Amino acid sequence: NGIGHPEPGTLEALLTAMPGPARFIPTHRMQEYSALQASALLVRSASAKNPTYFPLTAQSLTDFDWLVALDGVGYSRGGPKLSG
């Protein structure tokens, strides 16, 4: 899907480092994420091929009720071809 592996130190790298092909992370009970913890997380680079992708940030931990991290996904049939 035109999205490479996450760079070290990013939230996505931390999530995909956990065991399993899929991880379900409940964030709906997260009360507070300290500024120090948030500043330590890097934001991974975007995808040049896939404009629908957006990287997770520390704010994602409070913006969403759950996060899902997958090792990989197949290309969706019927979707536009990614250039490059």
PDB file of N, CA and C in Angstrom:
ATOM      1  N   ASN A   1       0.805  -1.201   0.000  1.00  0.00           N
ATOM      2  CA  ASN A   1       0.000   0.000   0.000  1.00  0.00           C
ATOM      3  C   ASN A   1       0.842   1.257   0.000  1.00  0.00           C
ATOM      4  N   GLY A   2       2.104   1.120  -0.287  1.00  0.00           N
ATOM      5  CA  GLY A   2       2.966   2.284  -0.396  1.00  0.00           C
ATOM      6  C   GLY A   2       3.416   2.863   0.927  1.00  0.00           C
ATOM      7  N   ILE A   3       3.285   2.104   2.002  1.00  0.00           N
ATOM      8  CA  ILE A   3       3.679   2.591   3.325  1.00  0.00           C
ATOM      9  C   ILE A   3       4.789   1.679   3.845  1.00  0.00           C
ATOM     10  N   GLY A   4       5.944   2.255   4.087  1.00  0.00           N
ATOM     11  CA  GLY A   4       7.083   1.473   4.555  1.00  0.00           C
ATOM     12  C   GLY A   4       7.014   1.186   6.042  1.00  0.00           C
ATOM     13  N   HIS A   5       8.072   0.585   6.554  1.00  0.00           N
ATOM     14  CA  HIS A   5       8.154   0.294   7.990  1.00  0.00           C
ATOM     15  C   HIS A   5       8.332   1.597   8.765  1.00  0.00           C
ATOM     16  N   PRO A   6       7.762   1.683   9.961  1.00  0.00           N
ATOM     17  CA  PRO A   6       7.911   2.906  10.758  1.00  0.00           C
ATOM     18  C   PRO A   6       9.344   3.088  11.254  1.00  0.00           C
ATOM     19  N   GLU A   7       9.753   4.334  11.350  1.00  0.00           N
ATOM     20  CA  GLU A   7      11.082   4.656  11.846  1.00  0.00           C
ATOM     21  C   GLU A   7      11.153   4.405  13.354  1.00  0.00           C
ATOM     22  N   PRO A   8      12.333   4.040  13.865  1.00  0.00           N
ATOM     23  CA  PRO A   8      12.489   3.824  15.309  1.00  0.00           C
ATOM     24  C   PRO A   8      12.098   5.076  16.097  1.00  0.00           C
ATOM     25  N   GLY A   9      11.491   4.865  17.249  1.00  0.00           N
ATOM     26  CA  GLY A   9      11.107   5.967  18.117  1.00  0.00           C
ATOM     27  C   GLY A   9       9.726   6.530  17.849  1.00  0.00           C
ATOM     28  N   THR A  10       9.051   6.004  16.812  1.00  0.00           N
ATOM     29  CA  THR A  10       7.697   6.469  16.513  1.00  0.00           C
ATOM     30  C   THR A  10       6.683   5.606  17.253  1.00  0.00           C
ATOM     31  N   LEU A  11       5.496   6.142  17.440  1.00  0.00           N
ATOM     32  CA  LEU A  11       4.432   5.382  18.092  1.00  0.00           C
ATOM     33  C   LEU A  11       4.158   4.095  17.326  1.00  0.00           C
ATOM     34  N   GLU A  12       4.150   4.162  16.004  1.00  0.00           N
ATOM     35  CA  GLU A  12       3.878   2.966  15.203  1.00  0.00           C
ATOM     36  C   GLU A  12       4.973   1.918  15.356  1.00  0.00           C
ATOM     37  N   ALA A  13       6.223   2.340  15.493  1.00  0.00           N
ATOM     38  CA  ALA A  13       7.315   1.388  15.721  1.00  0.00           C
ATOM     39  C   ALA A  13       7.140   0.699  17.071  1.00  0.00           C
ATOM     40  N   LEU A  14       6.742   1.452  18.083  1.00  0.00           N
ATOM     41  CA  LEU A  14       6.513   0.858  19.406  1.00  0.00           C
ATOM     42  C   LEU A  14       5.361  -0.139  19.372  1.00  0.00           C
ATOM     43  N   LEU A  15       4.290   0.206  18.668  1.00  0.00           N
ATOM     44  CA  LEU A  15       3.123  -0.681  18.603  1.00  0.00           C
ATOM     45  C   LEU A  15       3.433  -1.955  17.827  1.00  0.00           C
ATOM     46  N   THR A  16       4.127  -1.843  16.706  1.00  0.00           N
ATOM     47  CA  THR A  16       4.410  -3.030  15.897  1.00  0.00           C
ATOM     48  C   THR A  16       5.550  -3.861  16.468  1.00  0.00           C
ATOM     49  N   ALA A  17       6.266  -3.352  17.461  1.00  0.00           N
ATOM     50  CA  ALA A  17       7.312  -4.138  18.114  1.00  0.00           C
ATOM     51  C   ALA A  17       6.717  -5.171  19.068  1.00  0.00           C
ATOM     52  N   MET A  18       5.466  -4.981  19.457  1.00  0.00           N
ATOM     53  CA  MET A  18       4.801  -5.949  20.326  1.00  0.00           C
ATOM     54  C   MET A  18       4.510  -7.216  19.522  1.00  0.00           C
ATOM     55  N   PRO A  19       4.465  -8.391  20.172  1.00  0.00           N
ATOM     56  CA  PRO A  19       4.245  -9.639  19.441  1.00  0.00           C
ATOM     57  C   PRO A  19       2.859  -9.730  18.809  1.00  0.00           C
ATOM     58  N   GLY A  20       2.804 -10.470  17.713  1.00  0.00           N
ATOM     59  CA  GLY A  20       1.529 -10.752  17.055  1.00  0.00           C
ATOM     60  C   GLY A  20       1.398 -10.077  15.706  1.00  0.00           C
ATOM     61  N   PRO A  21       0.611 -10.659  14.828  1.00  0.00           N
ATOM     62  CA  PRO A  21       0.364 -10.014  13.538  1.00  0.00           C
ATOM     63  C   PRO A  21      -0.614  -8.858  13.661  1.00  0.00           C
ATOM     64  N   ALA A  22      -1.377  -8.814  14.774  1.00  0.00           N
ATOM     65  CA  ALA A  22      -2.332  -7.722  15.005  1.00  0.00           C
ATOM     66  C   ALA A  22      -2.341  -7.396  16.492  1.00  0.00           C
ATOM     67  N   ARG A  23      -2.425  -6.113  16.798  1.00  0.00           N
ATOM     68  CA  ARG A  23      -2.484  -5.668  18.181  1.00  0.00           C
ATOM     69  C   ARG A  23      -3.654  -4.715  18.333  1.00  0.00           C
ATOM     70  N   PHE A  24      -4.471  -4.924  19.353  1.00  0.00           N
ATOM     71  CA  PHE A  24      -5.605  -4.058  19.660  1.00  0.00           C
ATOM     72  C   PHE A  24      -5.278  -3.342  20.966  1.00  0.00           C
ATOM     73  N   ILE A  25      -5.145  -2.040  20.897  1.00  0.00           N
ATOM     74  CA  ILE A  25      -4.707  -1.260  22.042  1.00  0.00           C
ATOM     75  C   ILE A  25      -5.853  -0.368  22.511  1.00  0.00           C
ATOM     76  N   PRO A  26      -6.406  -0.625  23.708  1.00  0.00           N
ATOM     77  CA  PRO A  26      -7.490   0.225  24.205  1.00  0.00           C
ATOM     78  C   PRO A  26      -6.919   1.556  24.691  1.00  0.00           C
ATOM     79  N   THR A  27      -7.388   2.633  24.123  1.00  0.00           N
ATOM     80  CA  THR A  27      -6.935   3.960  24.547  1.00  0.00           C
ATOM     81  C   THR A  27      -8.077   4.768  25.150  1.00  0.00           C
ATOM     82  N   HIS A  28      -9.279   4.195  25.163  1.00  0.00           N
ATOM     83  CA  HIS A  28     -10.436   4.935  25.667  1.00  0.00           C
ATOM     84  C   HIS A  28     -10.374   5.203  27.168  1.00  0.00           C
ATOM     85  N   ARG A  29      -9.546   4.488  27.888  1.00  0.00           N
ATOM     86  CA  ARG A  29      -9.416   4.712  29.334  1.00  0.00           C
ATOM     87  C   ARG A  29      -8.213   5.584  29.676  1.00  0.00           C
ATOM     88  N   MET A  30      -7.498   6.008  28.664  1.00  0.00           N
ATOM     89  CA  MET A  30      -6.304   6.803  28.905  1.00  0.00           C
ATOM     90  C   MET A  30      -6.708   8.189  29.408  1.00  0.00           C
ATOM     91  N   GLN A  31      -6.357   8.485  30.627  1.00  0.00           N
ATOM     92  CA  GLN A  31      -6.744   9.758  31.241  1.00  0.00           C
ATOM     93  C   GLN A  31      -5.793  10.881  30.852  1.00  0.00           C
ATOM     94  N   GLU A  32      -4.512  10.577  30.870  1.00  0.00           N
ATOM     95  CA  GLU A  32      -3.538  11.636  30.666  1.00  0.00           C
ATOM     96  C   GLU A  32      -2.268  11.047  30.072  1.00  0.00           C
ATOM     97  N   TYR A  33      -1.742  11.735  29.119  1.00  0.00           N
ATOM     98  CA  TYR A  33      -0.455  11.355  28.538  1.00  0.00           C
ATOM     99  C   TYR A  33       0.454  12.537  28.780  1.00  0.00           C
ATOM    100  N   SER A  34       1.497  12.359  29.548  1.00  0.00           N
ATOM    101  CA  SER A  34       2.311  13.496  29.970  1.00  0.00           C
ATOM    102  C   SER A  34       3.000  14.170  28.788  1.00  0.00           C
ATOM    103  N   ALA A  35       3.265  15.445  28.929  1.00  0.00           N
ATOM    104  CA  ALA A  35       3.945  16.212  27.882  1.00  0.00           C
ATOM    105  C   ALA A  35       5.331  15.640  27.630  1.00  0.00           C
ATOM    106  N   LEU A  36       5.995  15.162  28.672  1.00  0.00           N
ATOM    107  CA  LEU A  36       7.323  14.581  28.516  1.00  0.00           C
ATOM    108  C   LEU A  36       7.255  13.305  27.684  1.00  0.00           C
ATOM    109  N   GLN A  37       6.290  12.438  27.970  1.00  0.00           N
ATOM    110  CA  GLN A  37       6.121  11.213  27.190  1.00  0.00           C
ATOM    111  C   GLN A  37       5.771  11.543  25.742  1.00  0.00           C
ATOM    112  N   ALA A  38       4.881  12.489  25.542  1.00  0.00           N
ATOM    113  CA  ALA A  38       4.457  12.857  24.195  1.00  0.00           C
ATOM    114  C   ALA A  38       5.608  13.448  23.397  1.00  0.00           C
ATOM    115  N   SER A  39       6.435  14.261  24.029  1.00  0.00           N
ATOM    116  CA  SER A  39       7.540  14.885  23.298  1.00  0.00           C
ATOM    117  C   SER A  39       8.610  13.871  22.912  1.00  0.00           C
ATOM    118  N   ALA A  40       8.655  12.735  23.601  1.00  0.00           N
ATOM    119  CA  ALA A  40       9.642  11.706  23.287  1.00  0.00           C
ATOM    120  C   ALA A  40       9.264  10.891  22.054  1.00  0.00           C
ATOM    121  N   LEU A  41       7.981  10.888  21.681  1.00  0.00           N
ATOM    122  CA  LEU A  41       7.544  10.125  20.515  1.00  0.00           C
ATOM    123  C   LEU A  41       7.786  10.909  19.234  1.00  0.00           C
ATOM    124  N   LEU A  42       8.436  10.275  18.291  1.00  0.00           N
ATOM    125  CA  LEU A  42       8.655  10.891  16.985  1.00  0.00           C
ATOM    126  C   LEU A  42       7.451  10.615  16.096  1.00  0.00           C
ATOM    127  N   VAL A  43       7.229  11.456  15.105  1.00  0.00           N
ATOM    128  CA  VAL A  43       6.172  11.233  14.118  1.00  0.00           C
ATOM    129  C   VAL A  43       6.836  10.653  12.882  1.00  0.00           C
ATOM    130  N   ARG A  44       6.349   9.513  12.442  1.00  0.00           N
ATOM    131  CA  ARG A  44       6.959   8.860  11.282  1.00  0.00           C
ATOM    132  C   ARG A  44       6.676   9.647  10.018  1.00  0.00           C
ATOM    133  N   SER A  45       7.461   9.390   8.991  1.00  0.00           N
ATOM    134  CA  SER A  45       7.276  10.102   7.728  1.00  0.00           C
ATOM    135  C   SER A  45       6.018   9.601   7.031  1.00  0.00           C
ATOM    136  N   ALA A  46       5.436  10.458   6.234  1.00  0.00           N
ATOM    137  CA  ALA A  46       4.216  10.123   5.499  1.00  0.00           C
ATOM    138  C   ALA A  46       4.558   9.237   4.306  1.00  0.00           C
ATOM    139  N   SER A  47       3.552   8.794   3.601  1.00  0.00           N
ATOM    140  CA  SER A  47       3.738   7.963   2.419  1.00  0.00           C
ATOM    141  C   SER A  47       3.674   8.830   1.170  1.00  0.00           C
ATOM    142  N   ALA A  48       4.703   8.740   0.330  1.00  0.00           N
ATOM    143  CA  ALA A  48       4.704   9.494  -0.925  1.00  0.00           C
ATOM    144  C   ALA A  48       3.736   8.877  -1.927  1.00  0.00           C
ATOM    145  N   LYS A  49       3.452   7.574  -1.779  1.00  0.00           N
ATOM    146  CA  LYS A  49       2.584   6.872  -2.730  1.00  0.00           C
ATOM    147  C   LYS A  49       1.124   6.858  -2.309  1.00  0.00           C
ATOM    148  N   ASN A  50       0.856   6.920  -1.033  1.00  0.00           N
ATOM    149  CA  ASN A  50      -0.509   6.748  -0.544  1.00  0.00           C
ATOM    150  C   ASN A  50      -0.972   8.000   0.209  1.00  0.00           C
ATOM    151  N   PRO A  51      -1.704   8.901  -0.460  1.00  0.00           N
ATOM    152  CA  PRO A  51      -2.121  10.143   0.180  1.00  0.00           C
ATOM    153  C   PRO A  51      -3.209   9.954   1.243  1.00  0.00           C
ATOM    154  N   THR A  52      -3.801   8.761   1.336  1.00  0.00           N
ATOM    155  CA  THR A  52      -4.844   8.533   2.340  1.00  0.00           C
ATOM    156  C   THR A  52      -4.261   8.159   3.701  1.00  0.00           C
ATOM    157  N   TYR A  53      -2.963   7.882   3.749  1.00  0.00           N
ATOM    158  CA  TYR A  53      -2.307   7.494   4.997  1.00  0.00           C
ATOM    159  C   TYR A  53      -1.936   8.739   5.804  1.00  0.00           C
ATOM    160  N   PHE A  54      -2.139   8.674   7.117  1.00  0.00           N
ATOM    161  CA  PHE A  54      -1.625   9.716   8.004  1.00  0.00           C
ATOM    162  C   PHE A  54      -0.950   9.030   9.185  1.00  0.00           C
ATOM    163  N   PRO A  55       0.203   9.535   9.618  1.00  0.00           N
ATOM    164  CA  PRO A  55       0.920   8.893  10.715  1.00  0.00           C
ATOM    165  C   PRO A  55       0.237   9.117  12.056  1.00  0.00           C
ATOM    166  N   LEU A  56       0.424   8.161  12.956  1.00  0.00           N
ATOM    167  CA  LEU A  56      -0.063   8.308  14.319  1.00  0.00           C
ATOM    168  C   LEU A  56       0.859   9.255  15.079  1.00  0.00           C
ATOM    169  N   THR A  57       0.285   9.997  15.989  1.00  0.00           N
ATOM    170  CA  THR A  57       1.055  10.892  16.854  1.00  0.00           C
ATOM    171  C   THR A  57       0.692  10.572  18.301  1.00  0.00           C
ATOM    172  N   ALA A  58       1.337  11.229  19.236  1.00  0.00           N
ATOM    173  CA  ALA A  58       0.991  11.032  20.647  1.00  0.00           C
ATOM    174  C   ALA A  58      -0.467  11.393  20.896  1.00  0.00           C
ATOM    175  N   GLN A  59      -0.986  12.357  20.164  1.00  0.00           N
ATOM    176  CA  GLN A  59      -2.385  12.756  20.330  1.00  0.00           C
ATOM    177  C   GLN A  59      -3.336  11.635  19.911  1.00  0.00           C
ATOM    178  N   SER A  60      -2.883  10.725  19.051  1.00  0.00           N
ATOM    179  CA  SER A  60      -3.710   9.586  18.644  1.00  0.00           C
ATOM    180  C   SER A  60      -4.115   8.741  19.845  1.00  0.00           C
ATOM    181  N   LEU A  61      -3.296   8.753  20.895  1.00  0.00           N
ATOM    182  CA  LEU A  61      -3.599   7.969  22.093  1.00  0.00           C
ATOM    183  C   LEU A  61      -4.818   8.498  22.835  1.00  0.00           C
ATOM    184  N   THR A  62      -5.150   9.763  22.638  1.00  0.00           N
ATOM    185  CA  THR A  62      -6.326  10.328  23.297  1.00  0.00           C
ATOM    186  C   THR A  62      -7.448  10.645  22.310  1.00  0.00           C
ATOM    187  N   ASP A  63      -7.146  10.701  21.024  1.00  0.00           N
ATOM    188  CA  ASP A  63      -8.165  11.008  20.008  1.00  0.00           C
ATOM    189  C   ASP A  63      -9.052   9.816  19.674  1.00  0.00           C
ATOM    190  N   PHE A  64      -8.540   8.605  19.865  1.00  0.00           N
ATOM    191  CA  PHE A  64      -9.256   7.399  19.468  1.00  0.00           C
ATOM    192  C   PHE A  64      -9.533   6.521  20.682  1.00  0.00           C
ATOM    193  N   ASP A  65     -10.609   5.732  20.616  1.00  0.00           N
ATOM    194  CA  ASP A  65     -10.933   4.801  21.697  1.00  0.00           C
ATOM    195  C   ASP A  65     -10.060   3.554  21.657  1.00  0.00           C
ATOM    196  N   TRP A  66      -9.701   3.121  20.461  1.00  0.00           N
ATOM    197  CA  TRP A  66      -8.861   1.943  20.257  1.00  0.00           C
ATOM    198  C   TRP A  66      -7.902   2.234  19.115  1.00  0.00           C
ATOM    199  N   LEU A  67      -6.719   1.635  19.171  1.00  0.00           N
ATOM    200  CA  LEU A  67      -5.797   1.643  18.039  1.00  0.00           C
ATOM    201  C   LEU A  67      -5.559   0.196  17.641  1.00  0.00           C
ATOM    202  N   VAL A  68      -5.400  -0.029  16.353  1.00  0.00           N
ATOM    203  CA  VAL A  68      -5.077  -1.350  15.829  1.00  0.00           C
ATOM    204  C   VAL A  68      -3.779  -1.222  15.050  1.00  0.00           C
ATOM    205  N   ALA A  69      -2.831  -2.089  15.336  1.00  0.00           N
ATOM    206  CA  ALA A  69      -1.565  -2.112  14.610  1.00  0.00           C
ATOM    207  C   ALA A  69      -1.432  -3.477  13.945  1.00  0.00           C
ATOM    208  N   LEU A  70      -1.265  -3.478  12.634  1.00  0.00           N
ATOM    209  CA  LEU A  70      -1.145  -4.707  11.852  1.00  0.00           C
ATOM    210  C   LEU A  70       0.255  -4.812  11.267  1.00  0.00           C
ATOM    211  N   ASP A  71       0.752  -6.042  11.132  1.00  0.00           N
ATOM    212  CA  ASP A  71       2.054  -6.241  10.498  1.00  0.00           C
ATOM    213  C   ASP A  71       2.017  -5.908   9.015  1.00  0.00           C
ATOM    214  N   GLY A  72       0.889  -6.111   8.378  1.00  0.00           N
ATOM    215  CA  GLY A  72       0.773  -5.822   6.949  1.00  0.00           C
ATOM    216  C   GLY A  72      -0.651  -6.027   6.485  1.00  0.00           C
ATOM    217  N   VAL A  73      -0.955  -5.461   5.342  1.00  0.00           N
ATOM    218  CA  VAL A  73      -2.271  -5.614   4.727  1.00  0.00           C
ATOM    219  C   VAL A  73      -2.079  -5.815   3.235  1.00  0.00           C
ATOM    220  N   GLY A  74      -3.035  -6.485   2.613  1.00  0.00           N
ATOM    221  CA  GLY A  74      -2.994  -6.655   1.170  1.00  0.00           C
ATOM    222  C   GLY A  74      -3.563  -5.438   0.474  1.00  0.00           C
ATOM    223  N   TYR A  75      -3.301  -5.335  -0.791  1.00  0.00           N
ATOM    224  CA  TYR A  75      -3.822  -4.214  -1.570  1.00  0.00           C
ATOM    225  C   TYR A  75      -5.301  -4.441  -1.828  1.00  0.00           C
ATOM    226  N   SER A  76      -6.103  -3.438  -1.611  1.00  0.00           N
ATOM    227  CA  SER A  76      -7.545  -3.538  -1.781  1.00  0.00           C
ATOM    228  C   SER A  76      -7.918  -3.619  -3.258  1.00  0.00           C
ATOM    229  N   ARG A  77      -8.639  -4.677  -3.628  1.00  0.00           N
ATOM    230  CA  ARG A  77      -9.098  -4.789  -5.013  1.00  0.00           C
ATOM    231  C   ARG A  77     -10.054  -3.657  -5.327  1.00  0.00           C
ATOM    232  N   GLY A  78      -9.938  -3.118  -6.510  1.00  0.00           N
ATOM    233  CA  GLY A  78     -10.809  -2.041  -6.927  1.00  0.00           C
ATOM    234  C   GLY A  78     -10.270  -0.669  -6.582  1.00  0.00           C
ATOM    235  N   GLY A  79      -9.241  -0.612  -5.777  1.00  0.00           N
ATOM    236  CA  GLY A  79      -8.637   0.677  -5.434  1.00  0.00           C
ATOM    237  C   GLY A  79      -7.747   1.166  -6.560  1.00  0.00           C
ATOM    238  N   PRO A  80      -7.475   2.451  -6.613  1.00  0.00           N
ATOM    239  CA  PRO A  80      -6.605   2.978  -7.660  1.00  0.00           C
ATOM    240  C   PRO A  80      -5.180   2.471  -7.474  1.00  0.00           C
ATOM    241  N   LYS A  81      -4.488   2.255  -8.563  1.00  0.00           N
ATOM    242  CA  LYS A  81      -3.090   1.812  -8.502  1.00  0.00           C
ATOM    243  C   LYS A  81      -2.241   2.937  -7.926  1.00  0.00           C
ATOM    244  N   LEU A  82      -1.264   2.569  -7.110  1.00  0.00           N
ATOM    245  CA  LEU A  82      -0.356   3.552  -6.543  1.00  0.00           C
ATOM    246  C   LEU A  82       0.796   3.764  -7.508  1.00  0.00           C
ATOM    247  N   SER A  83       1.070   4.995  -7.848  1.00  0.00           N
ATOM    248  CA  SER A  83       2.158   5.272  -8.789  1.00  0.00           C
ATOM    249  C   SER A  83       3.492   5.178  -8.074  1.00  0.00           C
ATOM    250  N   GLY A  84       4.535   4.956  -8.861  1.00  0.00           N
ATOM    251  CA  GLY A  84       5.893   4.944  -8.313  1.00  0.00           C
ATOM    252  C   GLY A  84       6.315   3.623  -7.959  1.00  0.00           C
TER     253      GLY A  84
END
